[in-house]
Amino acid sequence: MTPVCPFNKASRPDDASGKKPSENQSKQQSASDHKLQQDAVISPKCPFGYDSQTFKLGPLSCMVCQALLFQCSKCVPCSHVFCKVCISRFSDCPLCGADIEKIEDNPDLQKTVDRFIEGHARIKRSQIDTDKEEKEADTKTVIYEDVSFERGDFMMQQAMRALRANNIESAKSRLGVCAEDVREQLQKNGNTPELCSQLGAVLGMLGDCCRTTGDASSAVSYFEESVNFLMKMPKDNLEIIHTLSVSLNKIGDLKYYEGDLKATRAYYFQALDVRRSAIKNNSIVPSQVIDVAVSLAKVADVDRNLGDEDTAIAGFKEGIKLLESLTVSSGEVDLEKRRLSVLEFLNSQLGKK
């Protein structure tokens, strides 16, 4: 008996009647058999309704942040369940409107969510045609696009939902899983630019989560890990360059808030150097030129705070010269607004002492 998808409503290839088929019927049957075999290996949908291709909610979702439940908490007496952080903002149940007398942890449901993440969401969902291709699919890289149900992709989607709802701890948890999966792919496939850029971005997002919660030391650790990793990569990939320079600037921002101006300048200048190299070694991209001007402004601002006014003025003037000579196409309205905004800021700094 030929194995086919049990959810396929078409008749089975071996369910034909005992009547001898004609030649045309045999050809049609053969084509039908081939189609059924193809249908049998098409990626299945999640039985809980989750789908990385569309914005859907499932039975394990929090109706407030719309991400997977994290630190499941039950409202008493209505028994509706939400993330702990989400429901703590309400005095009435967001679903039924009942008064919340108290909130209780729901560890059993949380275990179900955790098992779902560890098991079901980890299943490979790439379309395959042979057993050989199935084995090869295990070594494919994690790509963050809506084409599969890879766990890293799915966790990124859930983390973004949690971040939009300001459920930071949930986002950190999902991003941690995402980073773990990208690291596994790196071990299997090596340091490909796509995976390196993805890991750098995820680590940067983890740093942002820590910075939001006031955990500056952990934020710096994540940003530094991102930087140390991306520094090893060739600087011919513009996505890696952007991720690297952003992480360097974020470390500089945190050092600035700590009052360590020398460390701040060192990180800002590293970001500036990375961005300068990018526009020297690649064709001119307007957004990158604006990024260089922003970095020049950051370094110059620190120079001014350190008492080096001449160097600061030189930096501001260099940024102005870059932006005044930059031509942005008429279709890139937002980019032109950004250019004018940065240019206005730089000009305003020349009059300050």
Protein backbone atom coordinates (compact mmCIF):
# COMPACT_ATOMS: atom_id res chain seq x y z
CA MET A 1 0.00 0.00 0.00
CA THR A 2 1.43 3.35 -1.05
CA PRO A 3 1.77 5.74 1.91
CA VAL A 4 0.00 9.07 1.42
CA CYS A 5 -0.98 11.97 3.62
CA PRO A 6 -3.89 10.85 5.85
CA PHE A 7 -5.44 14.33 5.58
CA ASN A 8 -5.55 14.24 1.78
CA LYS A 9 -9.16 13.79 0.60
CA ALA A 10 -8.19 12.34 -2.76
CA SER A 11 -8.70 8.62 -3.23
CA ARG A 12 -5.77 6.39 -2.45
CA PRO A 13 -3.73 5.17 -5.44
CA ASP A 14 -4.48 1.55 -4.53
CA ASP A 15 -8.20 2.07 -3.89
CA ALA A 16 -9.12 1.61 -7.55
CA SER A 17 -11.81 -0.92 -8.43
CA GLY A 18 -10.96 -4.32 -9.84
CA LYS A 19 -11.99 -3.21 -13.31
CA LYS A 20 -9.07 -3.22 -15.73
CA PRO A 21 -8.21 0.38 -16.59
CA SER A 22 -7.82 1.64 -20.13
CA GLU A 23 -4.48 3.10 -21.38
CA ASN A 24 -5.67 6.67 -20.83
CA GLN A 25 -6.96 5.78 -17.39
CA SER A 26 -3.60 4.21 -16.56
CA LYS A 27 -1.81 7.42 -17.54
CA GLN A 28 -4.23 9.48 -15.49
CA GLN A 29 -3.80 7.11 -12.56
CA SER A 30 0.00 7.34 -12.86
CA ALA A 31 -0.16 11.15 -12.82
CA SER A 32 -2.53 11.01 -9.84
CA ASP A 33 -0.14 8.66 -8.02
CA HIS A 34 2.73 11.08 -8.61
CA LYS A 35 0.69 14.02 -7.35
CA LEU A 36 -0.37 12.14 -4.24
CA GLN A 37 3.23 11.21 -3.48
CA GLN A 38 4.16 14.86 -3.81
CA ASP A 39 1.30 15.86 -1.54
CA ALA A 40 2.47 13.31 1.00
CA VAL A 41 5.78 15.10 1.54
CA ILE A 42 4.57 18.71 1.56
CA SER A 43 5.26 20.45 4.85
CA PRO A 44 2.39 19.89 7.29
CA LYS A 45 0.66 22.71 9.09
CA CYS A 46 0.93 23.08 12.83
CA PRO A 47 -2.05 21.31 14.47
CA PHE A 48 -2.31 24.17 17.00
CA GLY A 49 -2.82 26.70 14.21
CA TYR A 50 0.55 28.45 14.47
CA ASP A 51 2.07 29.55 11.18
CA SER A 52 5.28 31.50 10.62
CA GLN A 53 3.89 32.79 7.32
CA THR A 54 0.90 34.66 8.75
CA PHE A 55 -0.04 36.48 11.92
CA LYS A 56 -2.20 33.84 13.59
CA LEU A 57 -2.96 33.05 17.19
CA GLY A 58 -3.24 29.57 18.66
CA PRO A 59 -4.46 28.03 21.91
CA LEU A 60 -1.03 28.57 23.52
CA SER A 61 -1.02 32.30 22.76
CA CYS A 62 -1.51 35.13 25.22
CA MET A 63 -4.40 37.27 24.03
CA VAL A 64 -2.71 40.43 25.31
CA CYS A 65 0.79 40.29 23.79
CA GLN A 66 -0.27 37.73 21.12
CA ALA A 67 2.94 35.76 21.65
CA LEU A 68 3.35 32.30 23.14
CA LEU A 69 2.44 32.22 26.83
CA PHE A 70 5.32 33.01 29.16
CA GLN A 71 5.08 32.54 32.93
CA CYS A 72 1.47 31.41 32.50
CA SER A 73 -0.88 32.98 35.02
CA LYS A 74 -4.57 32.23 35.59
CA CYS A 75 -7.22 34.77 36.54
CA VAL A 76 -9.44 33.82 39.46
CA PRO A 77 -12.37 33.17 39.24
CA CYS A 78 -12.76 33.18 35.42
CA SER A 79 -9.68 30.93 34.79
CA HIS A 80 -8.56 32.72 31.63
CA VAL A 81 -4.80 32.47 31.16
CA PHE A 82 -2.28 35.13 30.11
CA CYS A 83 1.41 35.92 30.48
CA LYS A 84 2.17 37.04 34.04
CA VAL A 85 3.51 40.42 32.94
CA CYS A 86 0.56 41.03 30.60
CA ILE A 87 -2.25 40.24 33.06
CA SER A 88 -0.60 42.17 35.90
CA ARG A 89 -1.59 45.38 34.09
CA PHE A 90 -5.33 44.65 34.40
CA SER A 91 -7.88 44.65 37.21
CA ASP A 92 -10.55 43.05 34.98
CA CYS A 93 -10.09 40.04 32.70
CA PRO A 94 -9.32 41.31 29.16
CA LEU A 95 -11.38 38.47 27.67
CA CYS A 96 -14.57 38.29 29.76
CA GLY A 97 -14.43 41.46 31.84
CA ALA A 98 -14.77 39.63 35.17
CA ASP A 99 -13.16 41.18 38.23
CA ILE A 100 -9.79 39.62 38.95
CA GLU A 101 -9.79 38.53 42.58
CA LYS A 102 -6.29 37.07 42.35
CA ILE A 103 -3.76 35.75 39.87
CA GLU A 104 -2.36 32.24 40.19
CA ASP A 105 0.57 30.61 38.41
CA ASN A 106 -0.33 27.87 35.93
CA PRO A 107 2.79 25.67 35.79
CA ASP A 108 1.05 22.78 34.01
CA LEU A 109 0.09 24.89 31.01
CA GLN A 110 3.54 26.50 30.99
CA LYS A 111 5.10 23.04 30.78
CA THR A 112 2.91 22.36 27.75
CA VAL A 113 4.12 25.55 26.08
CA ASP A 114 7.73 24.69 26.87
CA ARG A 115 7.29 21.17 25.46
CA PHE A 116 5.74 22.66 22.34
CA ILE A 117 8.78 24.91 21.85
CA GLU A 118 11.28 22.15 22.57
CA GLY A 119 9.52 19.51 20.49
CA HIS A 120 6.97 20.49 17.90
CA ALA A 121 8.48 23.84 16.91
CA ARG A 122 11.85 22.14 16.45
CA ILE A 123 10.60 19.81 13.69
CA LYS A 124 12.17 20.51 10.32
CA ARG A 125 9.53 21.70 7.85
CA SER A 126 11.50 22.04 4.61
CA GLN A 127 9.83 20.48 1.57
CA ILE A 128 11.69 17.33 0.55
CA ASP A 129 11.31 14.71 -2.17
CA THR A 130 13.69 11.91 -1.09
CA ASP A 131 15.20 10.39 2.01
CA LYS A 132 18.58 11.69 0.88
CA GLU A 133 17.27 15.24 0.65
CA GLU A 134 15.66 14.78 4.06
CA LYS A 135 19.06 14.02 5.56
CA GLU A 136 20.59 16.99 3.75
CA ALA A 137 17.79 19.23 5.06
CA ASP A 138 19.15 18.80 8.57
CA THR A 139 22.22 20.83 7.61
CA LYS A 140 20.36 23.73 6.01
CA THR A 141 20.90 27.16 7.49
CA VAL A 142 18.24 28.97 9.47
CA ILE A 143 16.88 31.76 7.29
CA TYR A 144 14.57 34.30 8.88
CA GLU A 145 11.92 34.44 6.22
CA ASP A 146 8.41 33.06 6.07
CA VAL A 147 9.14 29.86 4.19
CA SER A 148 9.37 27.25 6.93
CA PHE A 149 8.62 26.41 10.51
CA GLU A 150 12.22 26.40 11.70
CA ARG A 151 12.31 27.03 15.43
CA GLY A 152 14.60 30.04 15.13
CA ASP A 153 12.26 31.69 12.65
CA PHE A 154 9.21 30.96 14.79
CA MET A 155 10.87 32.17 18.00
CA MET A 156 11.92 35.40 16.30
CA GLN A 157 8.30 36.00 15.34
CA GLN A 158 7.15 35.37 18.91
CA ALA A 159 9.88 37.60 20.34
CA MET A 160 8.88 40.49 18.09
CA ARG A 161 5.26 40.17 19.22
CA ALA A 162 6.33 40.19 22.86
CA LEU A 163 8.57 43.23 22.32
CA ARG A 164 5.74 45.19 20.71
CA ALA A 165 3.65 44.50 23.82
CA ASN A 166 6.56 45.42 26.13
CA ASN A 167 6.73 41.88 27.50
CA ILE A 168 10.51 42.03 27.75
CA GLU A 169 11.15 38.83 29.72
CA SER A 170 9.12 36.81 27.23
CA ALA A 171 11.08 38.34 24.35
CA LYS A 172 14.40 37.56 26.06
CA SER A 173 13.40 33.94 26.54
CA ARG A 174 12.40 33.48 22.90
CA LEU A 175 15.45 35.31 21.59
CA GLY A 176 17.64 33.06 23.73
CA VAL A 177 16.17 30.01 22.00
CA CYS A 178 16.64 31.72 18.66
CA ALA A 179 20.33 32.39 19.38
CA GLU A 180 20.78 28.78 20.47
CA ASP A 181 19.40 27.49 17.17
CA VAL A 182 21.53 29.83 15.06
CA ARG A 183 24.63 28.70 16.97
CA GLU A 184 23.72 25.08 16.20
CA GLN A 185 23.45 25.94 12.52
CA LEU A 186 26.81 27.71 12.66
CA GLN A 187 28.42 24.57 14.06
CA LYS A 188 26.96 22.52 11.20
CA ASN A 189 27.47 24.92 8.31
CA GLY A 190 30.30 27.23 9.36
CA ASN A 191 30.40 31.01 9.62
CA THR A 192 28.22 31.95 6.66
CA PRO A 193 27.45 35.69 6.30
CA GLU A 194 23.70 35.10 6.67
CA LEU A 195 24.00 33.16 9.91
CA CYS A 196 26.62 35.53 11.34
CA SER A 197 24.44 38.52 10.60
CA GLN A 198 21.41 36.79 12.15
CA LEU A 199 23.27 35.86 15.33
CA GLY A 200 24.70 39.35 15.64
CA ALA A 201 21.23 40.84 15.26
CA VAL A 202 19.69 38.46 17.81
CA LEU A 203 22.44 39.19 20.35
CA GLY A 204 21.88 42.89 19.74
CA MET A 205 18.16 42.48 20.42
CA LEU A 206 18.96 40.62 23.63
CA GLY A 207 21.17 43.55 24.58
CA ASP A 208 18.29 45.94 23.86
CA CYS A 209 16.01 43.87 26.14
CA CYS A 210 18.54 44.07 28.99
CA ARG A 211 19.02 47.79 28.44
CA THR A 212 15.25 48.32 28.63
CA THR A 213 15.08 46.56 31.98
CA GLY A 214 18.01 48.60 33.33
CA ASP A 215 20.48 45.70 33.27
CA ALA A 216 23.33 47.66 31.69
CA SER A 217 26.06 45.12 32.45
CA SER A 218 24.19 42.26 30.73
CA ALA A 219 23.36 44.58 27.82
CA VAL A 220 27.05 45.40 27.35
CA SER A 221 27.91 41.68 27.51
CA TYR A 222 25.44 40.84 24.73
CA PHE A 223 26.55 43.76 22.56
CA GLU A 224 30.22 42.86 23.09
CA GLU A 225 29.54 39.25 22.18
CA SER A 226 27.85 40.46 19.02
CA VAL A 227 30.81 42.72 18.22
CA ASN A 228 33.49 40.10 18.97
CA PHE A 229 31.72 37.59 16.76
CA LEU A 230 31.12 39.94 13.84
CA MET A 231 34.66 41.34 13.98
CA LYS A 232 35.90 37.95 12.81
CA MET A 233 33.84 38.13 9.64
CA PRO A 234 34.95 39.67 6.32
CA LYS A 235 33.73 43.24 5.98
CA ASP A 236 32.37 42.82 2.44
CA ASN A 237 28.82 42.10 3.59
CA LEU A 238 26.80 45.28 4.13
CA GLU A 239 24.34 43.64 6.52
CA ILE A 240 27.16 42.47 8.79
CA ILE A 241 28.75 45.94 8.63
CA HIS A 242 25.50 47.57 9.69
CA THR A 243 24.88 45.12 12.55
CA LEU A 244 28.47 45.50 13.77
CA SER A 245 28.42 49.31 13.76
CA VAL A 246 25.05 49.45 15.51
CA SER A 247 26.27 47.17 18.31
CA LEU A 248 29.42 49.28 18.74
CA ASN A 249 27.33 52.44 19.00
CA LYS A 250 25.02 50.87 21.56
CA ILE A 251 27.98 49.94 23.78
CA GLY A 252 29.18 53.51 23.38
CA ASP A 253 25.75 54.80 24.43
CA LEU A 254 25.83 52.71 27.61
CA LYS A 255 29.36 53.86 28.44
CA TYR A 256 28.21 57.46 27.89
CA TYR A 257 25.42 57.03 30.44
CA GLU A 258 27.97 55.60 32.87
CA GLY A 259 30.09 58.75 32.42
CA ASP A 260 33.06 56.93 30.88
CA LEU A 261 33.69 59.35 28.01
CA LYS A 262 37.01 57.84 26.90
CA ALA A 263 35.46 54.39 26.50
CA THR A 264 32.47 56.01 24.80
CA ARG A 265 34.69 57.69 22.23
CA ALA A 266 36.61 54.47 21.60
CA TYR A 267 33.43 52.55 20.72
CA TYR A 268 31.93 55.41 18.70
CA PHE A 269 35.16 55.75 16.75
CA GLN A 270 35.23 51.99 16.05
CA ALA A 271 31.73 52.26 14.61
CA LEU A 272 32.81 55.26 12.53
CA ASP A 273 35.84 53.39 11.21
CA VAL A 274 33.67 50.41 10.20
CA ARG A 275 31.23 52.69 8.37
CA ARG A 276 33.96 54.67 6.65
CA SER A 277 35.53 51.47 5.36
CA ALA A 278 32.16 50.37 4.02
CA ILE A 279 31.69 53.42 1.79
CA LYS A 280 35.31 53.21 0.61
CA ASN A 281 35.18 49.53 -0.34
CA ASN A 282 31.64 49.40 -1.75
CA SER A 283 29.55 51.41 -4.16
CA ILE A 284 28.08 54.48 -2.50
CA VAL A 285 24.80 53.75 -0.73
CA PRO A 286 23.04 56.91 0.53
CA SER A 287 21.90 55.32 3.78
CA GLN A 288 25.50 54.34 4.61
CA VAL A 289 26.75 57.86 3.94
CA ILE A 290 24.15 59.19 6.38
CA ASP A 291 25.27 56.56 8.91
CA VAL A 292 28.85 57.86 8.61
CA ALA A 293 27.62 61.41 9.25
CA VAL A 294 25.74 60.22 12.34
CA SER A 295 28.90 58.52 13.64
CA LEU A 296 30.91 61.68 13.01
CA ALA A 297 28.37 63.61 15.07
CA LYS A 298 28.61 61.09 17.93
CA VAL A 299 32.40 61.21 18.03
CA ALA A 300 32.46 65.00 17.75
CA ASP A 301 29.95 65.38 20.60
CA VAL A 302 32.19 63.30 22.88
CA ASP A 303 35.26 65.27 21.78
CA ARG A 304 33.47 68.46 22.83
CA ASN A 305 32.63 66.97 26.22
CA LEU A 306 36.27 65.97 26.62
CA GLY A 307 37.29 69.59 25.97
CA ASP A 308 38.75 69.07 22.47
CA GLU A 309 36.69 71.72 20.67
CA ASP A 310 38.86 71.95 17.54
CA THR A 311 38.56 68.21 16.85
CA ALA A 312 34.82 68.38 17.52
CA ILE A 313 34.31 71.23 15.03
CA ALA A 314 36.34 69.35 12.41
CA GLY A 315 34.12 66.30 12.88
CA PHE A 316 30.90 68.29 12.56
CA LYS A 317 32.20 70.00 9.40
CA GLU A 318 33.19 66.67 7.84
CA GLY A 319 29.68 65.35 8.43
CA ILE A 320 28.13 68.47 6.90
CA LYS A 321 30.35 68.17 3.82
CA LEU A 322 29.34 64.53 3.35
CA LEU A 323 25.62 65.24 3.55
CA GLU A 324 25.70 68.36 1.38
CA SER A 325 27.41 66.41 -1.40
CA LEU A 326 25.01 63.46 -1.09
CA THR A 327 22.26 63.11 -3.70
CA VAL A 328 19.19 61.10 -2.72
CA SER A 329 16.76 59.96 -5.41
CA SER A 330 13.36 61.62 -5.48
CA GLY A 331 11.63 58.33 -4.66
CA GLU A 332 13.42 57.92 -1.31
CA VAL A 333 11.44 60.50 0.63
CA ASP A 334 12.14 59.10 4.10
CA LEU A 335 15.87 58.89 3.42
CA GLU A 336 15.93 62.51 2.26
CA LYS A 337 14.10 63.58 5.43
CA ARG A 338 16.72 61.76 7.48
CA ARG A 339 19.55 63.43 5.56
CA LEU A 340 18.07 66.88 6.16
CA SER A 341 17.44 66.13 9.84
CA VAL A 342 21.05 65.03 10.47
CA LEU A 343 22.35 67.96 8.43
CA GLU A 344 20.29 70.41 10.49
CA PHE A 345 21.66 68.92 13.71
CA LEU A 346 25.26 69.14 12.53
CA ASN A 347 24.85 72.77 11.49
CA SER A 348 23.31 73.59 14.86
CA GLN A 349 26.40 72.19 16.61
CA LEU A 350 28.77 74.60 14.88
CA GLY A 351 27.28 77.53 16.77
CA LYS A 352 27.76 75.89 20.18
CA LYS A 353 30.84 76.38 22.33
